[in-house]
Amino acid sequence: MMMFLQSVLMVFFWAGLSLSGQALADQQVSPGQSLAATCANCHGTNGRAALAPDILPLAGRPAGWIQAQMADFKSGQRPATIMHQIARGYSERQIEQIALWLETR
């Protein structure tokens, strides 16, 4: 009987570890989401809301459009008060990750 109880306890132990590992995996944040968190200050949480009429929401915009805008800010082709400085802080890969994440919001 003791051996049976130990076996049952071990099954529950391993099942619990498996479920807790899955729960942690489900909560992982993508690099794009992490990088896009800085956008929320002006563009709203998950890029969904604009706080001023001249600040566009970014959620659902095509990734290519976001990347083009960031390239224009980075090069100075598009005038901005702060975006040119922010854009220069990201690599092309980081901009791509942000754009792909925002596209799916």
PDB file of N, CA and C in Angstrom:
ATOM      1  N   MET A   1       0.826  -1.193   0.000  1.00  0.00           N
ATOM      2  CA  MET A   1       0.000   0.000   0.000  1.00  0.00           C
ATOM      3  C   MET A   1       0.870   1.257   0.000  1.00  0.00           C
ATOM      4  N   MET A   2       1.954   1.240   0.771  1.00  0.00           N
ATOM      5  CA  MET A   2       2.854   2.389   0.853  1.00  0.00           C
ATOM      6  C   MET A   2       3.496   2.665  -0.496  1.00  0.00           C
ATOM      7  N   MET A   3       3.854   1.618  -1.200  1.00  0.00           N
ATOM      8  CA  MET A   3       4.471   1.775  -2.512  1.00  0.00           C
ATOM      9  C   MET A   3       3.477   2.406  -3.497  1.00  0.00           C
ATOM     10  N   PHE A   4       2.210   1.987  -3.394  1.00  0.00           N
ATOM     11  CA  PHE A   4       1.170   2.551  -4.249  1.00  0.00           C
ATOM     12  C   PHE A   4       1.015   4.051  -3.982  1.00  0.00           C
ATOM     13  N   LEU A   5       0.976   4.451  -2.726  1.00  0.00           N
ATOM     14  CA  LEU A   5       0.836   5.857  -2.361  1.00  0.00           C
ATOM     15  C   LEU A   5       2.021   6.673  -2.861  1.00  0.00           C
ATOM     16  N   GLN A   6       3.214   6.121  -2.737  1.00  0.00           N
ATOM     17  CA  GLN A   6       4.403   6.816  -3.230  1.00  0.00           C
ATOM     18  C   GLN A   6       4.330   7.010  -4.743  1.00  0.00           C
ATOM     19  N   SER A   7       3.845   5.985  -5.444  1.00  0.00           N
ATOM     20  CA  SER A   7       3.710   6.077  -6.895  1.00  0.00           C
ATOM     21  C   SER A   7       2.697   7.147  -7.279  1.00  0.00           C
ATOM     22  N   VAL A   8       1.579   7.186  -6.586  1.00  0.00           N
ATOM     23  CA  VAL A   8       0.549   8.184  -6.868  1.00  0.00           C
ATOM     24  C   VAL A   8       1.085   9.580  -6.595  1.00  0.00           C
ATOM     25  N   LEU A   9       1.786   9.745  -5.487  1.00  0.00           N
ATOM     26  CA  LEU A   9       2.361  11.047  -5.156  1.00  0.00           C
ATOM     27  C   LEU A   9       3.372  11.491  -6.204  1.00  0.00           C
ATOM     28  N   MET A  10       4.171  10.578  -6.694  1.00  0.00           N
ATOM     29  CA  MET A  10       5.158  10.919  -7.724  1.00  0.00           C
ATOM     30  C   MET A  10       4.466  11.361  -9.023  1.00  0.00           C
ATOM     31  N   VAL A  11       3.374  10.691  -9.377  1.00  0.00           N
ATOM     32  CA  VAL A  11       2.630  11.070 -10.582  1.00  0.00           C
ATOM     33  C   VAL A  11       2.108  12.499 -10.429  1.00  0.00           C
ATOM     34  N   PHE A  12       1.515  12.791  -9.269  1.00  0.00           N
ATOM     35  CA  PHE A  12       1.000  14.147  -9.039  1.00  0.00           C
ATOM     36  C   PHE A  12       2.129  15.175  -9.016  1.00  0.00           C
ATOM     37  N   PHE A  13       3.263  14.821  -8.457  1.00  0.00           N
ATOM     38  CA  PHE A  13       4.412  15.719  -8.411  1.00  0.00           C
ATOM     39  C   PHE A  13       4.864  16.072  -9.825  1.00  0.00           C
ATOM     40  N   TRP A  14       5.071  15.070 -10.679  1.00  0.00           N
ATOM     41  CA  TRP A  14       5.546  15.315 -12.036  1.00  0.00           C
ATOM     42  C   TRP A  14       4.486  16.016 -12.879  1.00  0.00           C
ATOM     43  N   ALA A  15       3.225  15.683 -12.653  1.00  0.00           N
ATOM     44  CA  ALA A  15       2.161  16.372 -13.379  1.00  0.00           C
ATOM     45  C   ALA A  15       2.120  17.847 -12.989  1.00  0.00           C
ATOM     46  N   GLY A  16       2.307  18.124 -11.709  1.00  0.00           N
ATOM     47  CA  GLY A  16       2.328  19.509 -11.234  1.00  0.00           C
ATOM     48  C   GLY A  16       3.480  20.294 -11.834  1.00  0.00           C
ATOM     49  N   LEU A  17       4.651  19.675 -11.908  1.00  0.00           N
ATOM     50  CA  LEU A  17       5.796  20.347 -12.526  1.00  0.00           C
ATOM     51  C   LEU A  17       5.526  20.631 -13.996  1.00  0.00           C
ATOM     52  N   SER A  18       4.928  19.680 -14.661  1.00  0.00           N
ATOM     53  CA  SER A  18       4.634  19.861 -16.076  1.00  0.00           C
ATOM     54  C   SER A  18       3.649  20.999 -16.282  1.00  0.00           C
ATOM     55  N   LEU A  19       2.599  21.054 -15.491  1.00  0.00           N
ATOM     56  CA  LEU A  19       1.606  22.109 -15.620  1.00  0.00           C
ATOM     57  C   LEU A  19       2.171  23.474 -15.255  1.00  0.00           C
ATOM     58  N   SER A  20       2.997  23.527 -14.214  1.00  0.00           N
ATOM     59  CA  SER A  20       3.560  24.824 -13.832  1.00  0.00           C
ATOM     60  C   SER A  20       4.542  25.311 -14.890  1.00  0.00           C
ATOM     61  N   GLY A  21       5.260  24.401 -15.510  1.00  0.00           N
ATOM     62  CA  GLY A  21       6.156  24.779 -16.596  1.00  0.00           C
ATOM     63  C   GLY A  21       5.394  25.316 -17.789  1.00  0.00           C
ATOM     64  N   GLN A  22       4.255  24.707 -18.088  1.00  0.00           N
ATOM     65  CA  GLN A  22       3.419  25.179 -19.198  1.00  0.00           C
ATOM     66  C   GLN A  22       2.845  26.551 -18.871  1.00  0.00           C
ATOM     67  N   ALA A  23       2.440  26.763 -17.632  1.00  0.00           N
ATOM     68  CA  ALA A  23       1.896  28.064 -17.239  1.00  0.00           C
ATOM     69  C   ALA A  23       2.946  29.154 -17.403  1.00  0.00           C
ATOM     70  N   LEU A  24       4.187  28.847 -17.042  1.00  0.00           N
ATOM     71  CA  LEU A  24       5.268  29.825 -17.219  1.00  0.00           C
ATOM     72  C   LEU A  24       5.525  30.091 -18.700  1.00  0.00           C
ATOM     73  N   ALA A  25       5.479  29.052 -19.504  1.00  0.00           N
ATOM     74  CA  ALA A  25       5.713  29.227 -20.940  1.00  0.00           C
ATOM     75  C   ALA A  25       4.620  30.086 -21.560  1.00  0.00           C
ATOM     76  N   ASP A  26       3.375  29.924 -21.093  1.00  0.00           N
ATOM     77  CA  ASP A  26       2.272  30.713 -21.624  1.00  0.00           C
ATOM     78  C   ASP A  26       2.409  32.185 -21.267  1.00  0.00           C
ATOM     79  N   GLN A  27       3.142  32.505 -20.217  1.00  0.00           N
ATOM     80  CA  GLN A  27       3.272  33.881 -19.750  1.00  0.00           C
ATOM     81  C   GLN A  27       4.506  34.581 -20.307  1.00  0.00           C
ATOM     82  N   GLN A  28       5.286  33.910 -21.125  1.00  0.00           N
ATOM     83  CA  GLN A  28       6.500  34.515 -21.657  1.00  0.00           C
ATOM     84  C   GLN A  28       6.157  35.687 -22.567  1.00  0.00           C
ATOM     85  N   VAL A  29       6.981  36.697 -22.512  1.00  0.00           N
ATOM     86  CA  VAL A  29       6.786  37.903 -23.310  1.00  0.00           C
ATOM     87  C   VAL A  29       7.738  37.839 -24.502  1.00  0.00           C
ATOM     88  N   SER A  30       7.215  38.124 -25.677  1.00  0.00           N
ATOM     89  CA  SER A  30       8.048  38.109 -26.875  1.00  0.00           C
ATOM     90  C   SER A  30       8.970  39.324 -26.875  1.00  0.00           C
ATOM     91  N   PRO A  31      10.090  39.235 -27.587  1.00  0.00           N
ATOM     92  CA  PRO A  31      10.979  40.405 -27.673  1.00  0.00           C
ATOM     93  C   PRO A  31      10.263  41.627 -28.245  1.00  0.00           C
ATOM     94  N   GLY A  32       9.402  41.417 -29.243  1.00  0.00           N
ATOM     95  CA  GLY A  32       8.667  42.534 -29.824  1.00  0.00           C
ATOM     96  C   GLY A  32       7.753  43.205 -28.822  1.00  0.00           C
ATOM     97  N   GLN A  33       7.079  42.407 -28.007  1.00  0.00           N
ATOM     98  CA  GLN A  33       6.189  42.963 -26.991  1.00  0.00           C
ATOM     99  C   GLN A  33       6.978  43.736 -25.954  1.00  0.00           C
ATOM    100  N   SER A  34       8.097  43.183 -25.551  1.00  0.00           N
ATOM    101  CA  SER A  34       8.941  43.848 -24.561  1.00  0.00           C
ATOM    102  C   SER A  34       9.454  45.183 -25.095  1.00  0.00           C
ATOM    103  N   LEU A  35       9.932  45.192 -26.325  1.00  0.00           N
ATOM    104  CA  LEU A  35      10.447  46.426 -26.923  1.00  0.00           C
ATOM    105  C   LEU A  35       9.331  47.441 -27.167  1.00  0.00           C
ATOM    106  N   ALA A  36       8.154  46.961 -27.543  1.00  0.00           N
ATOM    107  CA  ALA A  36       7.032  47.857 -27.837  1.00  0.00           C
ATOM    108  C   ALA A  36       6.446  48.495 -26.582  1.00  0.00           C
ATOM    109  N   ALA A  37       6.827  48.021 -25.425  1.00  0.00           N
ATOM    110  CA  ALA A  37       6.310  48.611 -24.185  1.00  0.00           C
ATOM    111  C   ALA A  37       6.652  50.090 -24.094  1.00  0.00           C
ATOM    112  N   THR A  38       7.775  50.493 -24.675  1.00  0.00           N
ATOM    113  CA  THR A  38       8.144  51.917 -24.636  1.00  0.00           C
ATOM    114  C   THR A  38       7.210  52.759 -25.502  1.00  0.00           C
ATOM    115  N   CYS A  39       6.548  52.148 -26.460  1.00  0.00           N
ATOM    116  CA  CYS A  39       5.623  52.872 -27.336  1.00  0.00           C
ATOM    117  C   CYS A  39       4.347  53.269 -26.595  1.00  0.00           C
ATOM    118  N   ALA A  40       4.030  52.524 -25.536  1.00  0.00           N
ATOM    119  CA  ALA A  40       2.765  52.728 -24.818  1.00  0.00           C
ATOM    120  C   ALA A  40       2.649  54.112 -24.196  1.00  0.00           C
ATOM    121  N   ASN A  41       3.761  54.727 -23.854  1.00  0.00           N
ATOM    122  CA  ASN A  41       3.699  56.056 -23.238  1.00  0.00           C
ATOM    123  C   ASN A  41       2.935  57.053 -24.099  1.00  0.00           C
ATOM    124  N   CYS A  42       3.122  56.979 -25.398  1.00  0.00           N
ATOM    125  CA  CYS A  42       2.452  57.918 -26.305  1.00  0.00           C
ATOM    126  C   CYS A  42       1.372  57.256 -27.150  1.00  0.00           C
ATOM    127  N   HIS A  43       1.609  56.015 -27.578  1.00  0.00           N
ATOM    128  CA  HIS A  43       0.715  55.351 -28.519  1.00  0.00           C
ATOM    129  C   HIS A  43      -0.314  54.454 -27.844  1.00  0.00           C
ATOM    130  N   GLY A  44      -0.308  54.390 -26.528  1.00  0.00           N
ATOM    131  CA  GLY A  44      -1.288  53.600 -25.796  1.00  0.00           C
ATOM    132  C   GLY A  44      -0.855  52.163 -25.585  1.00  0.00           C
ATOM    133  N   THR A  45      -1.483  51.530 -24.618  1.00  0.00           N
ATOM    134  CA  THR A  45      -1.189  50.132 -24.304  1.00  0.00           C
ATOM    135  C   THR A  45      -1.459  49.269 -25.524  1.00  0.00           C
ATOM    136  N   ASN A  46      -0.499  48.452 -25.880  1.00  0.00           N
ATOM    137  CA  ASN A  46      -0.578  47.578 -27.054  1.00  0.00           C
ATOM    138  C   ASN A  46      -0.797  48.358 -28.350  1.00  0.00           C
ATOM    139  N   GLY A  47      -0.463  49.648 -28.332  1.00  0.00           N
ATOM    140  CA  GLY A  47      -0.584  50.473 -29.534  1.00  0.00           C
ATOM    141  C   GLY A  47      -2.015  50.784 -29.929  1.00  0.00           C
ATOM    142  N   ARG A  48      -2.948  50.635 -28.998  1.00  0.00           N
ATOM    143  CA  ARG A  48      -4.373  50.754 -29.325  1.00  0.00           C
ATOM    144  C   ARG A  48      -4.974  52.144 -29.175  1.00  0.00           C
ATOM    145  N   ALA A  49      -4.379  53.009 -28.406  1.00  0.00           N
ATOM    146  CA  ALA A  49      -5.016  54.305 -28.185  1.00  0.00           C
ATOM    147  C   ALA A  49      -3.997  55.423 -28.359  1.00  0.00           C
ATOM    148  N   ALA A  50      -4.446  56.491 -28.947  1.00  0.00           N
ATOM    149  CA  ALA A  50      -3.593  57.670 -29.085  1.00  0.00           C
ATOM    150  C   ALA A  50      -4.007  58.683 -28.031  1.00  0.00           C
ATOM    151  N   LEU A  51      -3.029  59.336 -27.455  1.00  0.00           N
ATOM    152  CA  LEU A  51      -3.308  60.314 -26.410  1.00  0.00           C
ATOM    153  C   LEU A  51      -3.406  61.736 -26.950  1.00  0.00           C
ATOM    154  N   ALA A  52      -3.066  61.920 -28.210  1.00  0.00           N
ATOM    155  CA  ALA A  52      -3.133  63.242 -28.843  1.00  0.00           C
ATOM    156  C   ALA A  52      -3.498  63.029 -30.313  1.00  0.00           C
ATOM    157  N   PRO A  53      -4.136  64.010 -30.928  1.00  0.00           N
ATOM    158  CA  PRO A  53      -4.581  63.831 -32.317  1.00  0.00           C
ATOM    159  C   PRO A  53      -3.447  63.583 -33.313  1.00  0.00           C
ATOM    160  N   ASP A  54      -2.268  64.070 -33.031  1.00  0.00           N
ATOM    161  CA  ASP A  54      -1.161  63.880 -33.974  1.00  0.00           C
ATOM    162  C   ASP A  54      -0.328  62.633 -33.677  1.00  0.00           C
ATOM    163  N   ILE A  55      -0.752  61.839 -32.696  1.00  0.00           N
ATOM    164  CA  ILE A  55      -0.063  60.583 -32.380  1.00  0.00           C
ATOM    165  C   ILE A  55      -0.985  59.441 -32.804  1.00  0.00           C
ATOM    166  N   LEU A  56      -0.544  58.677 -33.794  1.00  0.00           N
ATOM    167  CA  LEU A  56      -1.368  57.618 -34.364  1.00  0.00           C
ATOM    168  C   LEU A  56      -1.352  56.354 -33.516  1.00  0.00           C
ATOM    169  N   PRO A  57      -2.483  55.633 -33.469  1.00  0.00           N
ATOM    170  CA  PRO A  57      -2.448  54.301 -32.868  1.00  0.00           C
ATOM    171  C   PRO A  57      -1.645  53.381 -33.790  1.00  0.00           C
ATOM    172  N   LEU A  58      -0.950  52.432 -33.230  1.00  0.00           N
ATOM    173  CA  LEU A  58      -0.090  51.555 -34.019  1.00  0.00           C
ATOM    174  C   LEU A  58      -0.641  50.142 -34.167  1.00  0.00           C
ATOM    175  N   ALA A  59      -1.572  49.764 -33.330  1.00  0.00           N
ATOM    176  CA  ALA A  59      -2.120  48.403 -33.353  1.00  0.00           C
ATOM    177  C   ALA A  59      -2.752  48.097 -34.703  1.00  0.00           C
ATOM    178  N   GLY A  60      -2.380  46.939 -35.249  1.00  0.00           N
ATOM    179  CA  GLY A  60      -2.964  46.490 -36.501  1.00  0.00           C
ATOM    180  C   GLY A  60      -2.383  47.100 -37.762  1.00  0.00           C
ATOM    181  N   ARG A  61      -1.487  48.039 -37.622  1.00  0.00           N
ATOM    182  CA  ARG A  61      -0.859  48.632 -38.819  1.00  0.00           C
ATOM    183  C   ARG A  61       0.097  47.605 -39.421  1.00  0.00           C
ATOM    184  N   PRO A  62       0.234  47.604 -40.736  1.00  0.00           N
ATOM    185  CA  PRO A  62       1.168  46.662 -41.365  1.00  0.00           C
ATOM    186  C   PRO A  62       2.601  46.874 -40.870  1.00  0.00           C
ATOM    187  N   ALA A  63       3.285  45.776 -40.639  1.00  0.00           N
ATOM    188  CA  ALA A  63       4.658  45.844 -40.139  1.00  0.00           C
ATOM    189  C   ALA A  63       5.539  46.675 -41.067  1.00  0.00           C
ATOM    190  N   GLY A  64       5.363  46.519 -42.361  1.00  0.00           N
ATOM    191  CA  GLY A  64       6.165  47.273 -43.324  1.00  0.00           C
ATOM    192  C   GLY A  64       5.955  48.775 -43.192  1.00  0.00           C
ATOM    193  N   TRP A  65       4.727  49.175 -42.918  1.00  0.00           N
ATOM    194  CA  TRP A  65       4.431  50.601 -42.734  1.00  0.00           C
ATOM    195  C   TRP A  65       5.143  51.128 -41.490  1.00  0.00           C
ATOM    196  N   ILE A  66       5.069  50.385 -40.400  1.00  0.00           N
ATOM    197  CA  ILE A  66       5.731  50.808 -39.156  1.00  0.00           C
ATOM    198  C   ILE A  66       7.237  50.895 -39.374  1.00  0.00           C
ATOM    199  N   GLN A  67       7.802  49.906 -40.051  1.00  0.00           N
ATOM    200  CA  GLN A  67       9.241  49.911 -40.307  1.00  0.00           C
ATOM    201  C   GLN A  67       9.632  51.104 -41.177  1.00  0.00           C
ATOM    202  N   ALA A  68       8.826  51.427 -42.170  1.00  0.00           N
ATOM    203  CA  ALA A  68       9.120  52.571 -43.048  1.00  0.00           C
ATOM    204  C   ALA A  68       9.076  53.879 -42.261  1.00  0.00           C
ATOM    205  N   GLN A  69       8.088  54.013 -41.382  1.00  0.00           N
ATOM    206  CA  GLN A  69       7.988  55.231 -40.573  1.00  0.00           C
ATOM    207  C   GLN A  69       9.199  55.366 -39.655  1.00  0.00           C
ATOM    208  N   MET A  70       9.587  54.254 -39.046  1.00  0.00           N
ATOM    209  CA  MET A  70      10.749  54.288 -38.145  1.00  0.00           C
ATOM    210  C   MET A  70      12.026  54.627 -38.919  1.00  0.00           C
ATOM    211  N   ALA A  71      12.147  54.100 -40.136  1.00  0.00           N
ATOM    212  CA  ALA A  71      13.320  54.420 -40.968  1.00  0.00           C
ATOM    213  C   ALA A  71      13.341  55.908 -41.298  1.00  0.00           C
ATOM    214  N   ASP A  72      12.171  56.468 -41.604  1.00  0.00           N
ATOM    215  CA  ASP A  72      12.091  57.902 -41.909  1.00  0.00           C
ATOM    216  C   ASP A  72      12.418  58.755 -40.687  1.00  0.00           C
ATOM    217  N   PHE A  73      11.959  58.332 -39.517  1.00  0.00           N
ATOM    218  CA  PHE A  73      12.313  59.053 -38.287  1.00  0.00           C
ATOM    219  C   PHE A  73      13.817  58.963 -38.053  1.00  0.00           C
ATOM    220  N   LYS A  74      14.352  57.759 -38.223  1.00  0.00           N
ATOM    221  CA  LYS A  74      15.774  57.507 -37.963  1.00  0.00           C
ATOM    222  C   LYS A  74      16.671  58.357 -38.864  1.00  0.00           C
ATOM    223  N   SER A  75      16.266  58.493 -40.130  1.00  0.00           N
ATOM    224  CA  SER A  75      17.081  59.239 -41.089  1.00  0.00           C
ATOM    225  C   SER A  75      16.839  60.744 -41.031  1.00  0.00           C
ATOM    226  N   GLY A  76      15.767  61.143 -40.351  1.00  0.00           N
ATOM    227  CA  GLY A  76      15.432  62.565 -40.290  1.00  0.00           C
ATOM    228  C   GLY A  76      14.515  63.012 -41.414  1.00  0.00           C
ATOM    229  N   GLN A  77      14.116  62.079 -42.298  1.00  0.00           N
ATOM    230  CA  GLN A  77      13.218  62.442 -43.399  1.00  0.00           C
ATOM    231  C   GLN A  77      11.835  62.843 -42.897  1.00  0.00           C
ATOM    232  N   ARG A  78      11.410  62.258 -41.809  1.00  0.00           N
ATOM    233  CA  ARG A  78      10.107  62.609 -41.244  1.00  0.00           C
ATOM    234  C   ARG A  78      10.341  63.451 -40.003  1.00  0.00           C
ATOM    235  N   PRO A  79       9.800  64.663 -39.979  1.00  0.00           N
ATOM    236  CA  PRO A  79      10.015  65.530 -38.818  1.00  0.00           C
ATOM    237  C   PRO A  79       9.303  64.972 -37.584  1.00  0.00           C
ATOM    238  N   ALA A  80       9.916  65.219 -36.442  1.00  0.00           N
ATOM    239  CA  ALA A  80       9.353  64.723 -35.187  1.00  0.00           C
ATOM    240  C   ALA A  80       9.918  65.506 -34.017  1.00  0.00           C
ATOM    241  N   THR A  81       9.207  65.459 -32.926  1.00  0.00           N
ATOM    242  CA  THR A  81       9.729  66.097 -31.713  1.00  0.00           C
ATOM    243  C   THR A  81      10.620  65.144 -30.938  1.00  0.00           C
ATOM    244  N   ILE A  82      10.238  63.865 -30.886  1.00  0.00           N
ATOM    245  CA  ILE A  82      11.003  62.906 -30.089  1.00  0.00           C
ATOM    246  C   ILE A  82      11.274  61.598 -30.836  1.00  0.00           C
ATOM    247  N   MET A  83      10.428  61.258 -31.824  1.00  0.00           N
ATOM    248  CA  MET A  83      10.542  59.949 -32.475  1.00  0.00           C
ATOM    249  C   MET A  83      11.874  59.732 -33.179  1.00  0.00           C
ATOM    250  N   HIS A  84      12.494  60.784 -33.697  1.00  0.00           N
ATOM    251  CA  HIS A  84      13.785  60.590 -34.360  1.00  0.00           C
ATOM    252  C   HIS A  84      14.827  60.096 -33.353  1.00  0.00           C
ATOM    253  N   GLN A  85      14.757  60.561 -32.125  1.00  0.00           N
ATOM    254  CA  GLN A  85      15.697  60.104 -31.093  1.00  0.00           C
ATOM    255  C   GLN A  85      15.379  58.674 -30.660  1.00  0.00           C
ATOM    256  N   ILE A  86      14.096  58.383 -30.514  1.00  0.00           N
ATOM    257  CA  ILE A  86      13.693  57.031 -30.108  1.00  0.00           C
ATOM    258  C   ILE A  86      14.074  56.023 -31.186  1.00  0.00           C
ATOM    259  N   ALA A  87      13.782  56.343 -32.439  1.00  0.00           N
ATOM    260  CA  ALA A  87      14.058  55.420 -33.547  1.00  0.00           C
ATOM    261  C   ALA A  87      15.541  55.100 -33.656  1.00  0.00           C
ATOM    262  N   ARG A  88      16.388  56.077 -33.415  1.00  0.00           N
ATOM    263  CA  ARG A  88      17.838  55.840 -33.501  1.00  0.00           C
ATOM    264  C   ARG A  88      18.343  54.891 -32.418  1.00  0.00           C
ATOM    265  N   GLY A  89      17.553  54.690 -31.387  1.00  0.00           N
ATOM    266  CA  GLY A  89      17.954  53.792 -30.304  1.00  0.00           C
ATOM    267  C   GLY A  89      17.703  52.326 -30.584  1.00  0.00           C
ATOM    268  N   TYR A  90      17.034  52.024 -31.692  1.00  0.00           N
ATOM    269  CA  TYR A  90      16.708  50.636 -32.028  1.00  0.00           C
ATOM    270  C   TYR A  90      17.491  50.167 -33.238  1.00  0.00           C
ATOM    271  N   SER A  91      17.870  48.896 -33.214  1.00  0.00           N
ATOM    272  CA  SER A  91      18.489  48.278 -34.397  1.00  0.00           C
ATOM    273  C   SER A  91      17.379  47.950 -35.397  1.00  0.00           C
ATOM    274  N   GLU A  92      17.759  47.632 -36.618  1.00  0.00           N
ATOM    275  CA  GLU A  92      16.774  47.248 -37.637  1.00  0.00           C
ATOM    276  C   GLU A  92      15.997  46.010 -37.184  1.00  0.00           C
ATOM    277  N   ARG A  93      16.688  45.059 -36.583  1.00  0.00           N
ATOM    278  CA  ARG A  93      16.041  43.827 -36.090  1.00  0.00           C
ATOM    279  C   ARG A  93      15.030  44.155 -34.996  1.00  0.00           C
ATOM    280  N   GLN A  94      15.383  45.038 -34.087  1.00  0.00           N
ATOM    281  CA  GLN A  94      14.458  45.417 -33.019  1.00  0.00           C
ATOM    282  C   GLN A  94      13.224  46.118 -33.579  1.00  0.00           C
ATOM    283  N   ILE A  95      13.429  46.979 -34.560  1.00  0.00           N
ATOM    284  CA  ILE A  95      12.300  47.661 -35.202  1.00  0.00           C
ATOM    285  C   ILE A  95      11.396  46.635 -35.883  1.00  0.00           C
ATOM    286  N   GLU A  96      11.986  45.649 -36.525  1.00  0.00           N
ATOM    287  CA  GLU A  96      11.201  44.593 -37.161  1.00  0.00           C
ATOM    288  C   GLU A  96      10.385  43.826 -36.118  1.00  0.00           C
ATOM    289  N   GLN A  97      10.999  43.495 -34.983  1.00  0.00           N
ATOM    290  CA  GLN A  97      10.286  42.770 -33.923  1.00  0.00           C
ATOM    291  C   GLN A  97       9.118  43.590 -33.373  1.00  0.00           C
ATOM    292  N   ILE A  98       9.341  44.863 -33.160  1.00  0.00           N
ATOM    293  CA  ILE A  98       8.275  45.753 -32.679  1.00  0.00           C
ATOM    294  C   ILE A  98       7.145  45.802 -33.707  1.00  0.00           C
ATOM    295  N   ALA A  99       7.503  46.021 -34.969  1.00  0.00           N
ATOM    296  CA  ALA A  99       6.506  46.155 -36.036  1.00  0.00           C
ATOM    297  C   ALA A  99       5.687  44.879 -36.195  1.00  0.00           C
ATOM    298  N   LEU A 100       6.343  43.747 -36.157  1.00  0.00           N
ATOM    299  CA  LEU A 100       5.611  42.471 -36.304  1.00  0.00           C
ATOM    300  C   LEU A 100       4.674  42.235 -35.132  1.00  0.00           C
ATOM    301  N   TRP A 101       5.098  42.620 -33.936  1.00  0.00           N
ATOM    302  CA  TRP A 101       4.236  42.443 -32.767  1.00  0.00           C
ATOM    303  C   TRP A 101       3.031  43.390 -32.845  1.00  0.00           C
ATOM    304  N   LEU A 102       3.267  44.641 -33.172  1.00  0.00           N
ATOM    305  CA  LEU A 102       2.172  45.611 -33.247  1.00  0.00           C
ATOM    306  C   LEU A 102       1.169  45.264 -34.344  1.00  0.00           C
ATOM    307  N   GLU A 103       1.666  44.691 -35.422  1.00  0.00           N
ATOM    308  CA  GLU A 103       0.793  44.306 -36.543  1.00  0.00           C
ATOM    309  C   GLU A 103      -0.284  43.324 -36.086  1.00  0.00           C
ATOM    310  N   THR A 104       0.026  42.492 -35.116  1.00  0.00           N
ATOM    311  CA  THR A 104      -0.911  41.450 -34.658  1.00  0.00           C
ATOM    312  C   THR A 104      -1.846  41.914 -33.545  1.00  0.00           C
ATOM    313  N   ARG A 105      -1.733  43.143 -33.130  1.00  0.00           N
ATOM    314  CA  ARG A 105      -2.592  43.636 -32.030  1.00  0.00           C
ATOM    315  C   ARG A 105      -3.918  44.019 -32.543  1.00  0.00           C
TER     316      ARG A 105
END
